[in-house]
Each structure stands twice: as structure tokens, then as C-alpha cells.
Amino acid sequence: MAIMDLSEVSLDGVQELHRQAETCLSGTIQFGIAADQRATTLTGIFGAGCVALLAAIATVIAGSSPHKAFVGGAATIATLLFVAAMISAMACAPGDFHVGGYEPKRFARSAGDLAWMLRYAVEDMQVRIDCNRAALERSARLVHVSMGLALAAIPLGILAAALTR
């Protein structure tokens, strides 16, 4: 990632860039919270579906004549839902995510030169925004994979049931 050269930008321009960077960084944080909530919800839904199917399988197996096609199909669906739940959980796993603002102790020595301080802050916020976006893209890819597995679970479960007849 290239470092921005803001040395030729006027103080007013740098102040506007700083304001826009803070707004953008705040937006990535809001997206991150929403993405984590979505992934957490999917983890619970897929996990609950897996547990329900495992309970149904246990009930059928405990019966006097277990139905092999049902067990095969339900086991396939439960397995795929379990894997989808784990992938969704990976999407909301704790990781590095950058927030806006700075600790005053980090800028105290440079506070006398407002232009330099703002230029540095804008450059640093761009790095933070890029990092946050990379984390959001990773999370989105994992959620898409988990949703694809969950969507494929039922047709594959039907296929498994048909093959175990």
C-alpha cells in the first residue's frame, strides 16, 4: 500500500480529508458490527439446525427399525450445517479492527504543528480503513461460503437419502 503524500495539500484541504477519513472509519466500524451480528446469527441458526437433526437421528436410531435413508440424508444435512456454523463462527472471530481517534499522549509532542499532525492522522486513518475493509472482505467471504454450504445441505441430503435406500 502506497503512502499518501499530503505535503502539497493546504491545511483546509487536510482538515476536510481528516473529517472525511473519520467518517469513513466510523462507517467501516458500523459495517463490522453488522457483519459480526449477521455471522453470529447464522452460526446459531445453522448450529440449531444441526442439533435438531442429530436429535431426530438419535430418535430414529433408537426405534425398533431405523430408516437408513432418513439417517443418511439427515446426517448429511447435519454435517453440512455443522460445517456452515463453524465457518460462520470463523467470520465473527475476534481480530484486529481499528477505531477512530487517537490517544492524546501519542500526539502531544506534535500538537504544535497542526498541519503535520493532521497529515499524519489522515495517512494513518487510510491505513486503518484499508485494514478494516480487508477484515470485512474476509468475513463476507466466509459468510458466503457458509451460506452456500447451508443452501447445498438440503439437496445433498436428499441425494444422500436416495443413495442409502
C-alpha atoms as a PDB file:
ATOM      1  CA  MET A   1       0.000   0.000   0.000  1.00  0.00           C
ATOM      2  CA  ALA A   2       1.443   3.337  -1.060  1.00  0.00           C
ATOM      3  CA  ILE A   3       1.901   6.117   1.460  1.00  0.00           C
ATOM      4  CA  MET A   4      -0.058   9.219   0.584  1.00  0.00           C
ATOM      5  CA  ASP A   5       1.864  12.434   0.010  1.00  0.00           C
ATOM      6  CA  LEU A   6      -0.202  15.229   1.506  1.00  0.00           C
ATOM      7  CA  SER A   7       2.664  17.734   1.733  1.00  0.00           C
ATOM      8  CA  GLU A   8       1.212  19.868  -1.083  1.00  0.00           C
ATOM      9  CA  VAL A   9      -2.368  19.835   0.256  1.00  0.00           C
ATOM     10  CA  SER A  10      -3.465  23.014   2.008  1.00  0.00           C
ATOM     11  CA  LEU A  11      -4.355  22.970   5.698  1.00  0.00           C
ATOM     12  CA  ASP A  12      -8.040  23.430   4.832  1.00  0.00           C
ATOM     13  CA  GLY A  13      -7.831  20.502   2.432  1.00  0.00           C
ATOM     14  CA  VAL A  14      -6.115  18.300   5.006  1.00  0.00           C
ATOM     15  CA  GLN A  15      -8.759  19.217   7.591  1.00  0.00           C
ATOM     16  CA  GLU A  16     -11.511  18.151   5.188  1.00  0.00           C
ATOM     17  CA  LEU A  17      -9.654  14.919   4.372  1.00  0.00           C
ATOM     18  CA  HIS A  18      -9.325  14.292   8.115  1.00  0.00           C
ATOM     19  CA  ARG A  19     -13.063  14.810   8.617  1.00  0.00           C
ATOM     20  CA  GLN A  20     -13.898  12.503   5.709  1.00  0.00           C
ATOM     21  CA  ALA A  21     -11.441   9.840   6.927  1.00  0.00           C
ATOM     22  CA  GLU A  22     -13.015   9.865  10.416  1.00  0.00           C
ATOM     23  CA  THR A  23     -16.465   9.450   8.841  1.00  0.00           C
ATOM     24  CA  CYS A  24     -15.276   6.596   6.615  1.00  0.00           C
ATOM     25  CA  LEU A  25     -13.506   4.853   9.501  1.00  0.00           C
ATOM     26  CA  SER A  26     -16.652   5.139  11.588  1.00  0.00           C
ATOM     27  CA  GLY A  27     -18.641   3.617   8.718  1.00  0.00           C
ATOM     28  CA  THR A  28     -16.323   0.610   8.489  1.00  0.00           C
ATOM     29  CA  ILE A  29     -16.803   0.042  12.208  1.00  0.00           C
ATOM     30  CA  GLN A  30     -20.586   0.066  11.786  1.00  0.00           C
ATOM     31  CA  PHE A  31     -20.267  -2.419   8.906  1.00  0.00           C
ATOM     32  CA  GLY A  32     -18.034  -4.578  11.098  1.00  0.00           C
ATOM     33  CA  ILE A  33     -20.587  -4.673  13.895  1.00  0.00           C
ATOM     34  CA  ALA A  34     -23.361  -5.584  11.453  1.00  0.00           C
ATOM     35  CA  ALA A  35     -21.217  -8.275   9.812  1.00  0.00           C
ATOM     36  CA  ASP A  36     -20.397  -9.824  13.192  1.00  0.00           C
ATOM     37  CA  GLN A  37     -24.070  -9.837  14.158  1.00  0.00           C
ATOM     38  CA  ARG A  38     -25.007 -11.497  10.879  1.00  0.00           C
ATOM     39  CA  ALA A  39     -22.297 -14.149  11.242  1.00  0.00           C
ATOM     40  CA  THR A  40     -23.213 -14.789  14.879  1.00  0.00           C
ATOM     41  CA  THR A  41     -26.880 -15.186  13.972  1.00  0.00           C
ATOM     42  CA  LEU A  42     -26.055 -17.595  11.147  1.00  0.00           C
ATOM     43  CA  THR A  43     -23.825 -19.601  13.499  1.00  0.00           C
ATOM     44  CA  GLY A  44     -26.747 -20.017  15.897  1.00  0.00           C
ATOM     45  CA  ILE A  45     -29.247 -20.884  13.177  1.00  0.00           C
ATOM     46  CA  PHE A  46     -27.002 -23.427  11.455  1.00  0.00           C
ATOM     47  CA  GLY A  47     -25.925 -24.899  14.801  1.00  0.00           C
ATOM     48  CA  ALA A  48     -29.513 -25.227  15.995  1.00  0.00           C
ATOM     49  CA  GLY A  49     -30.488 -26.958  12.757  1.00  0.00           C
ATOM     50  CA  CYS A  50     -27.605 -29.390  13.176  1.00  0.00           C
ATOM     51  CA  VAL A  51     -28.566 -30.196  16.776  1.00  0.00           C
ATOM     52  CA  ALA A  52     -32.230 -30.678  15.828  1.00  0.00           C
ATOM     53  CA  LEU A  53     -31.281 -33.100  13.079  1.00  0.00           C
ATOM     54  CA  LEU A  54     -28.934 -35.008  15.373  1.00  0.00           C
ATOM     55  CA  ALA A  55     -31.761 -35.346  17.904  1.00  0.00           C
ATOM     56  CA  ALA A  56     -34.055 -36.654  15.166  1.00  0.00           C
ATOM     57  CA  ILE A  57     -31.394 -39.111  14.026  1.00  0.00           C
ATOM     58  CA  ALA A  58     -30.923 -40.364  17.592  1.00  0.00           C
ATOM     59  CA  THR A  59     -34.672 -40.837  17.928  1.00  0.00           C
ATOM     60  CA  VAL A  60     -34.907 -42.779  14.675  1.00  0.00           C
ATOM     61  CA  ILE A  61     -31.886 -44.945  15.542  1.00  0.00           C
ATOM     62  CA  ALA A  62     -33.388 -45.710  18.951  1.00  0.00           C
ATOM     63  CA  GLY A  63     -36.534 -47.009  17.237  1.00  0.00           C
ATOM     64  CA  SER A  64     -37.129 -50.670  16.515  1.00  0.00           C
ATOM     65  CA  SER A  65     -36.387 -50.377  12.777  1.00  0.00           C
ATOM     66  CA  PRO A  66     -34.206 -47.379  11.879  1.00  0.00           C
ATOM     67  CA  HIS A  67     -34.854 -45.923   8.450  1.00  0.00           C
ATOM     68  CA  LYS A  68     -31.417 -45.870   6.768  1.00  0.00           C
ATOM     69  CA  ALA A  69     -32.381 -43.375   4.069  1.00  0.00           C
ATOM     70  CA  PHE A  70     -33.597 -40.858   6.663  1.00  0.00           C
ATOM     71  CA  VAL A  71     -30.490 -41.316   8.793  1.00  0.00           C
ATOM     72  CA  GLY A  72     -28.186 -40.927   5.770  1.00  0.00           C
ATOM     73  CA  GLY A  73     -29.938 -37.838   4.480  1.00  0.00           C
ATOM     74  CA  ALA A  74     -30.297 -36.189   7.881  1.00  0.00           C
ATOM     75  CA  ALA A  75     -26.689 -36.960   8.782  1.00  0.00           C
ATOM     76  CA  THR A  76     -25.519 -35.340   5.545  1.00  0.00           C
ATOM     77  CA  ILE A  77     -27.578 -32.220   6.203  1.00  0.00           C
ATOM     78  CA  ALA A  78     -26.450 -32.071   9.857  1.00  0.00           C
ATOM     79  CA  THR A  79     -22.806 -32.378   8.835  1.00  0.00           C
ATOM     80  CA  LEU A  80     -23.061 -29.596   6.270  1.00  0.00           C
ATOM     81  CA  LEU A  81     -24.942 -27.354   8.725  1.00  0.00           C
ATOM     82  CA  PHE A  82     -22.261 -28.006  11.348  1.00  0.00           C
ATOM     83  CA  VAL A  83     -19.502 -27.041   8.914  1.00  0.00           C
ATOM     84  CA  ALA A  84     -21.502 -23.944   7.872  1.00  0.00           C
ATOM     85  CA  ALA A  85     -21.894 -22.989  11.550  1.00  0.00           C
ATOM     86  CA  MET A  86     -18.147 -23.322  12.127  1.00  0.00           C
ATOM     87  CA  ILE A  87     -17.330 -21.215   9.074  1.00  0.00           C
ATOM     88  CA  SER A  88     -19.823 -18.550  10.201  1.00  0.00           C
ATOM     89  CA  ALA A  89     -18.193 -18.606  13.639  1.00  0.00           C
ATOM     90  CA  MET A  90     -14.804 -18.034  11.994  1.00  0.00           C
ATOM     91  CA  ALA A  91     -16.276 -14.987  10.232  1.00  0.00           C
ATOM     92  CA  CYS A  92     -17.051 -13.318  13.562  1.00  0.00           C
ATOM     93  CA  ALA A  93     -13.927 -14.473  15.380  1.00  0.00           C
ATOM     94  CA  PRO A  94     -12.073 -11.676  17.192  1.00  0.00           C
ATOM     95  CA  GLY A  95      -9.459  -9.959  15.090  1.00  0.00           C
ATOM     96  CA  ASP A  96      -7.785  -6.626  14.549  1.00  0.00           C
ATOM     97  CA  PHE A  97     -10.237  -3.855  13.802  1.00  0.00           C
ATOM     98  CA  HIS A  98      -9.265  -0.221  14.029  1.00  0.00           C
ATOM     99  CA  VAL A  99     -11.350   2.516  15.603  1.00  0.00           C
ATOM    100  CA  GLY A 100     -11.200   6.260  15.088  1.00  0.00           C
ATOM    101  CA  GLY A 101      -9.451   8.786  17.246  1.00  0.00           C
ATOM    102  CA  TYR A 102      -6.061   8.926  18.885  1.00  0.00           C
ATOM    103  CA  GLU A 103      -4.686   8.812  22.364  1.00  0.00           C
ATOM    104  CA  PRO A 104      -3.542  12.319  23.296  1.00  0.00           C
ATOM    105  CA  LYS A 105      -0.202  11.003  24.587  1.00  0.00           C
ATOM    106  CA  ARG A 106       0.663   9.867  21.055  1.00  0.00           C
ATOM    107  CA  PHE A 107       0.169  13.338  19.562  1.00  0.00           C
ATOM    108  CA  ALA A 108       1.254  15.580  22.425  1.00  0.00           C
ATOM    109  CA  ARG A 109       4.744  16.247  21.033  1.00  0.00           C
ATOM    110  CA  SER A 110       3.483  17.089  17.550  1.00  0.00           C
ATOM    111  CA  ALA A 111       0.488  19.168  18.624  1.00  0.00           C
ATOM    112  CA  GLY A 112       2.429  22.358  17.963  1.00  0.00           C
ATOM    113  CA  ASP A 113       2.387  21.652  14.214  1.00  0.00           C
ATOM    114  CA  LEU A 114      -1.293  21.204  13.348  1.00  0.00           C
ATOM    115  CA  ALA A 115      -0.685  20.701   9.634  1.00  0.00           C
ATOM    116  CA  TRP A 116       1.821  17.894  10.209  1.00  0.00           C
ATOM    117  CA  MET A 117      -0.367  16.266  12.835  1.00  0.00           C
ATOM    118  CA  LEU A 118      -3.434  16.262  10.563  1.00  0.00           C
ATOM    119  CA  ARG A 119      -1.443  14.985   7.577  1.00  0.00           C
ATOM    120  CA  TYR A 120      -0.084  12.125   9.658  1.00  0.00           C
ATOM    121  CA  ALA A 121      -3.547  11.352  11.059  1.00  0.00           C
ATOM    122  CA  VAL A 122      -5.094  11.241   7.572  1.00  0.00           C
ATOM    123  CA  GLU A 123      -2.379   8.891   6.311  1.00  0.00           C
ATOM    124  CA  ASP A 124      -2.783   6.662   9.367  1.00  0.00           C
ATOM    125  CA  MET A 125      -6.568   6.613   9.090  1.00  0.00           C
ATOM    126  CA  GLN A 126      -6.265   5.475   5.477  1.00  0.00           C
ATOM    127  CA  VAL A 127      -4.171   2.520   6.678  1.00  0.00           C
ATOM    128  CA  ARG A 128      -6.812   1.762   9.335  1.00  0.00           C
ATOM    129  CA  ILE A 129      -9.626   1.979   6.770  1.00  0.00           C
ATOM    130  CA  ASP A 130      -7.756  -0.387   4.440  1.00  0.00           C
ATOM    131  CA  CYS A 131      -7.206  -2.853   7.303  1.00  0.00           C
ATOM    132  CA  ASN A 132     -10.870  -2.718   8.320  1.00  0.00           C
ATOM    133  CA  ARG A 133     -12.008  -3.269   4.740  1.00  0.00           C
ATOM    134  CA  ALA A 134      -9.733  -6.302   4.398  1.00  0.00           C
ATOM    135  CA  ALA A 135     -11.243  -7.771   7.586  1.00  0.00           C
ATOM    136  CA  LEU A 136     -14.758  -7.071   6.300  1.00  0.00           C
ATOM    137  CA  GLU A 137     -13.994  -8.732   2.964  1.00  0.00           C
ATOM    138  CA  ARG A 138     -12.614 -11.813   4.727  1.00  0.00           C
ATOM    139  CA  SER A 139     -15.708 -12.036   6.910  1.00  0.00           C
ATOM    140  CA  ALA A 140     -18.023 -11.608   3.915  1.00  0.00           C
ATOM    141  CA  ARG A 141     -16.235 -14.398   2.013  1.00  0.00           C
ATOM    142  CA  LEU A 142     -16.619 -16.758   4.970  1.00  0.00           C
ATOM    143  CA  VAL A 143     -20.313 -15.903   5.370  1.00  0.00           C
ATOM    144  CA  HIS A 144     -20.899 -16.525   1.668  1.00  0.00           C
ATOM    145  CA  VAL A 145     -19.204 -19.920   1.908  1.00  0.00           C
ATOM    146  CA  SER A 146     -21.246 -20.868   4.984  1.00  0.00           C
ATOM    147  CA  MET A 147     -24.490 -19.805   3.328  1.00  0.00           C
ATOM    148  CA  GLY A 148     -23.576 -21.791   0.219  1.00  0.00           C
ATOM    149  CA  LEU A 149     -22.979 -24.906   2.309  1.00  0.00           C
ATOM    150  CA  ALA A 150     -26.254 -24.427   4.153  1.00  0.00           C
ATOM    151  CA  LEU A 151     -28.117 -23.967   0.873  1.00  0.00           C
ATOM    152  CA  ALA A 152     -26.491 -27.079  -0.570  1.00  0.00           C
ATOM    153  CA  ALA A 153     -27.284 -29.130   2.545  1.00  0.00           C
ATOM    154  CA  ILE A 154     -30.880 -29.986   1.662  1.00  0.00           C
ATOM    155  CA  PRO A 155     -30.328 -31.093  -1.965  1.00  0.00           C
ATOM    156  CA  LEU A 156     -27.251 -33.061  -0.909  1.00  0.00           C
ATOM    157  CA  GLY A 157     -29.203 -34.583   1.971  1.00  0.00           C
ATOM    158  CA  ILE A 158     -31.929 -35.684  -0.442  1.00  0.00           C
ATOM    159  CA  LEU A 159     -29.283 -37.160  -2.707  1.00  0.00           C
ATOM    160  CA  ALA A 160     -27.684 -38.999   0.236  1.00  0.00           C
ATOM    161  CA  ALA A 161     -31.113 -40.346   1.286  1.00  0.00           C
ATOM    162  CA  ALA A 162     -31.748 -41.580  -2.238  1.00  0.00           C
ATOM    163  CA  LEU A 163     -28.328 -43.261  -2.381  1.00  0.00           C
ATOM    164  CA  THR A 164     -28.763 -45.005   1.003  1.00  0.00           C
ATOM    165  CA  ARG A 165     -32.115 -46.595   0.145  1.00  0.00           C
END
